[in-house]
C-alpha atoms as a PDB file:
ATOM      1  CA  UNK A   1       6.758  10.896  -7.929  1.00  0.00           C
ATOM      2  CA  UNK A   2       7.965   8.883 -10.923  1.00  0.00           C
ATOM      3  CA  UNK A   3       9.839   6.485  -8.639  1.00  0.00           C
ATOM      4  CA  UNK A   4       6.761   5.888  -6.477  1.00  0.00           C
ATOM      5  CA  UNK A   5       4.551   5.232  -9.492  1.00  0.00           C
ATOM      6  CA  UNK A   6       7.150   2.958 -11.081  1.00  0.00           C
ATOM      7  CA  UNK A   7       7.509   0.906  -7.885  1.00  0.00           C
ATOM      8  CA  UNK A   8       3.730   0.836  -7.410  1.00  0.00           C
ATOM      9  CA  UNK A   9       3.222  -0.717 -10.839  1.00  0.00           C
ATOM     10  CA  UNK A  10       5.788  -3.516 -10.456  1.00  0.00           C
ATOM     11  CA  UNK A  11       3.684  -5.824  -8.253  1.00  0.00           C
ATOM     12  CA  UNK A  12      -0.011  -6.570  -7.800  1.00  0.00           C
ATOM     13  CA  UNK A  13       0.065  -5.024  -4.296  1.00  0.00           C
ATOM     14  CA  UNK A  14       2.542  -2.420  -3.079  1.00  0.00           C
ATOM     15  CA  UNK A  15       2.579  -0.909   0.396  1.00  0.00           C
ATOM     16  CA  UNK A  16       4.599   2.152   1.324  1.00  0.00           C
ATOM     17  CA  UNK A  17       5.177   2.098   5.058  1.00  0.00           C
ATOM     18  CA  UNK A  18       7.479   3.056   7.899  1.00  0.00           C
ATOM     19  CA  UNK A  19       8.886   0.432  10.223  1.00  0.00           C
ATOM     20  CA  UNK A  20       7.564   2.092  13.397  1.00  0.00           C
ATOM     21  CA  UNK A  21       4.000   2.830  12.204  1.00  0.00           C
ATOM     22  CA  UNK A  22       1.365   0.757  14.025  1.00  0.00           C
ATOM     23  CA  UNK A  23      -1.282   1.334  11.336  1.00  0.00           C
ATOM     24  CA  UNK A  24       1.213   0.212   8.690  1.00  0.00           C
ATOM     25  CA  UNK A  25       1.792  -2.960  10.697  1.00  0.00           C
ATOM     26  CA  UNK A  26      -1.970  -3.558  10.821  1.00  0.00           C
ATOM     27  CA  UNK A  27      -2.324  -3.235   7.055  1.00  0.00           C
ATOM     28  CA  UNK A  28       0.694  -5.451   6.364  1.00  0.00           C
ATOM     29  CA  UNK A  29      -0.733  -8.079   8.731  1.00  0.00           C
ATOM     30  CA  UNK A  30      -4.145  -7.941   7.051  1.00  0.00           C
ATOM     31  CA  UNK A  31      -2.656  -8.571   3.610  1.00  0.00           C
ATOM     32  CA  UNK A  32      -0.480 -11.362   4.972  1.00  0.00           C
ATOM     33  CA  UNK A  33      -3.476 -13.064   6.597  1.00  0.00           C
ATOM     34  CA  UNK A  34      -5.394 -12.798   3.320  1.00  0.00           C
ATOM     35  CA  UNK A  35      -2.552 -14.655   1.601  1.00  0.00           C
ATOM     36  CA  UNK A  36      -1.197 -11.674  -0.322  1.00  0.00           C
ATOM     37  CA  UNK A  37       2.543 -11.169  -0.720  1.00  0.00           C
ATOM     38  CA  UNK A  38       2.876  -7.416  -1.300  1.00  0.00           C
ATOM     39  CA  UNK A  39       6.004  -5.478  -2.111  1.00  0.00           C
ATOM     40  CA  UNK A  40       6.683  -3.385   0.987  1.00  0.00           C
ATOM     41  CA  UNK A  41       8.819  -0.264   0.958  1.00  0.00           C
ATOM     42  CA  UNK A  42       9.768   1.010   4.404  1.00  0.00           C
ATOM     43  CA  UNK A  43      10.369   4.706   3.762  1.00  0.00           C
ATOM     44  CA  UNK A  44      12.553   5.087   6.855  1.00  0.00           C
ATOM     45  CA  UNK A  45      14.864   2.370   5.507  1.00  0.00           C
ATOM     46  CA  UNK A  46      14.919   3.332   1.816  1.00  0.00           C
ATOM     47  CA  UNK A  47      17.813   5.453   0.507  1.00  0.00           C
ATOM     48  CA  UNK A  48      15.317   7.680  -1.346  1.00  0.00           C
ATOM     49  CA  UNK A  49      12.649   7.410   1.347  1.00  0.00           C
ATOM     50  CA  UNK A  50      12.342  11.149   1.964  1.00  0.00           C
ATOM     51  CA  UNK A  51      11.678  11.873  -1.700  1.00  0.00           C
ATOM     52  CA  UNK A  52       9.145   9.037  -1.886  1.00  0.00           C
ATOM     53  CA  UNK A  53       7.434  10.350   1.250  1.00  0.00           C
ATOM     54  CA  UNK A  54       7.085  13.811  -0.326  1.00  0.00           C
ATOM     55  CA  UNK A  55       5.601  12.285  -3.475  1.00  0.00           C
ATOM     56  CA  UNK A  56       3.111  10.260  -1.425  1.00  0.00           C
ATOM     57  CA  UNK A  57       2.089  13.376   0.541  1.00  0.00           C
ATOM     58  CA  UNK A  58       1.235  15.027  -2.797  1.00  0.00           C
ATOM     59  CA  UNK A  59      -0.656  11.967  -4.036  1.00  0.00           C
ATOM     60  CA  UNK A  60      -2.646  11.387  -0.852  1.00  0.00           C
ATOM     61  CA  UNK A  61      -2.963  14.988   0.241  1.00  0.00           C
ATOM     62  CA  UNK A  62      -2.179  14.138   3.848  1.00  0.00           C
ATOM     63  CA  UNK A  63       0.673  13.775   6.257  1.00  0.00           C
ATOM     64  CA  UNK A  64       1.869  11.251   7.271  1.00  0.00           C
ATOM     65  CA  UNK A  65       1.312   9.504   3.953  1.00  0.00           C
ATOM     66  CA  UNK A  66       1.700   5.961   5.258  1.00  0.00           C
ATOM     67  CA  UNK A  67       0.459   3.377   4.917  1.00  0.00           C
ATOM     68  CA  UNK A  68      -0.143   3.993   1.225  1.00  0.00           C
ATOM     69  CA  UNK A  69      -1.533   0.988  -0.614  1.00  0.00           C
ATOM     70  CA  UNK A  70      -1.493   0.453  -4.358  1.00  0.00           C
ATOM     71  CA  UNK A  71      -3.396  -2.439  -5.924  1.00  0.00           C
ATOM     72  CA  UNK A  72      -2.978  -3.193  -9.589  1.00  0.00           C
ATOM     73  CA  UNK A  73      -0.792  -0.107  -9.944  1.00  0.00           C
ATOM     74  CA  UNK A  74      -3.565   2.202  -8.712  1.00  0.00           C
ATOM     75  CA  UNK A  75      -3.500   4.180  -5.491  1.00  0.00           C
ATOM     76  CA  UNK A  76      -6.223   2.778  -3.262  1.00  0.00           C
ATOM     77  CA  UNK A  77      -5.447   4.804  -0.148  1.00  0.00           C
ATOM     78  CA  UNK A  78      -4.558   4.386   3.464  1.00  0.00           C
ATOM     79  CA  UNK A  79      -5.843   2.379   6.418  1.00  0.00           C
ATOM     80  CA  UNK A  80      -9.369   3.818   6.365  1.00  0.00           C
ATOM     81  CA  UNK A  81      -9.936   2.991   2.700  1.00  0.00           C
ATOM     82  CA  UNK A  82      -8.434  -0.509   2.955  1.00  0.00           C
ATOM     83  CA  UNK A  83     -10.469  -1.365   6.057  1.00  0.00           C
ATOM     84  CA  UNK A  84     -13.635   0.014   4.475  1.00  0.00           C
ATOM     85  CA  UNK A  85     -13.084  -2.164   1.401  1.00  0.00           C
ATOM     86  CA  UNK A  86     -12.322  -5.185   3.573  1.00  0.00           C
ATOM     87  CA  UNK A  87     -15.331  -4.797   5.863  1.00  0.00           C
ATOM     88  CA  UNK A  88     -17.576  -4.182   2.859  1.00  0.00           C
ATOM     89  CA  UNK A  89     -16.419  -7.395   1.201  1.00  0.00           C
ATOM     90  CA  UNK A  90     -14.776  -5.561  -1.696  1.00  0.00           C
ATOM     91  CA  UNK A  91     -11.077  -5.980  -0.908  1.00  0.00           C
ATOM     92  CA  UNK A  92     -10.723  -9.659  -1.833  1.00  0.00           C
ATOM     93  CA  UNK A  93     -12.423  -9.223  -5.247  1.00  0.00           C
ATOM     94  CA  UNK A  94     -10.157  -6.246  -5.930  1.00  0.00           C
ATOM     95  CA  UNK A  95      -7.106  -8.322  -5.000  1.00  0.00           C
ATOM     96  CA  UNK A  96      -8.290 -11.152  -7.260  1.00  0.00           C
ATOM     97  CA  UNK A  97      -8.788  -8.829 -10.215  1.00  0.00           C
ATOM     98  CA  UNK A  98      -5.263  -7.464  -9.712  1.00  0.00           C
ATOM     99  CA  UNK A  99      -3.817 -10.981  -9.677  1.00  0.00           C
ATOM    100  CA  UNK A 100      -2.776 -10.870  -6.027  1.00  0.00           C
ATOM    101  CA  UNK A 101      -5.057 -13.772  -5.045  1.00  0.00           C
ATOM    102  CA  UNK A 102      -5.941 -16.874  -7.009  1.00  0.00           C
ATOM    103  CA  UNK A 103      -8.919 -18.286  -5.117  1.00  0.00           C
END
């Protein structure tokens, strides 16, 4: 869990994903279209991906644990939470406050 939290705090936006996950792709595309350049960790391509996946399962309380999005070093959640924030107009202000967006 320490590795996940350390990685999550190194950039304004961090996404833990798997390369074959369609919901992960959706979230990565959303952030890209908003102009955000997140750090993305593909768990199926990371040497310690299995351990990170187990830590994310504990943090999120669900399986599969991806996509898992951290903004400003804080766990925000998965697709449902990100889309809810976005549709409610709260995602962009959150990204600005974390320093992920300038305008």
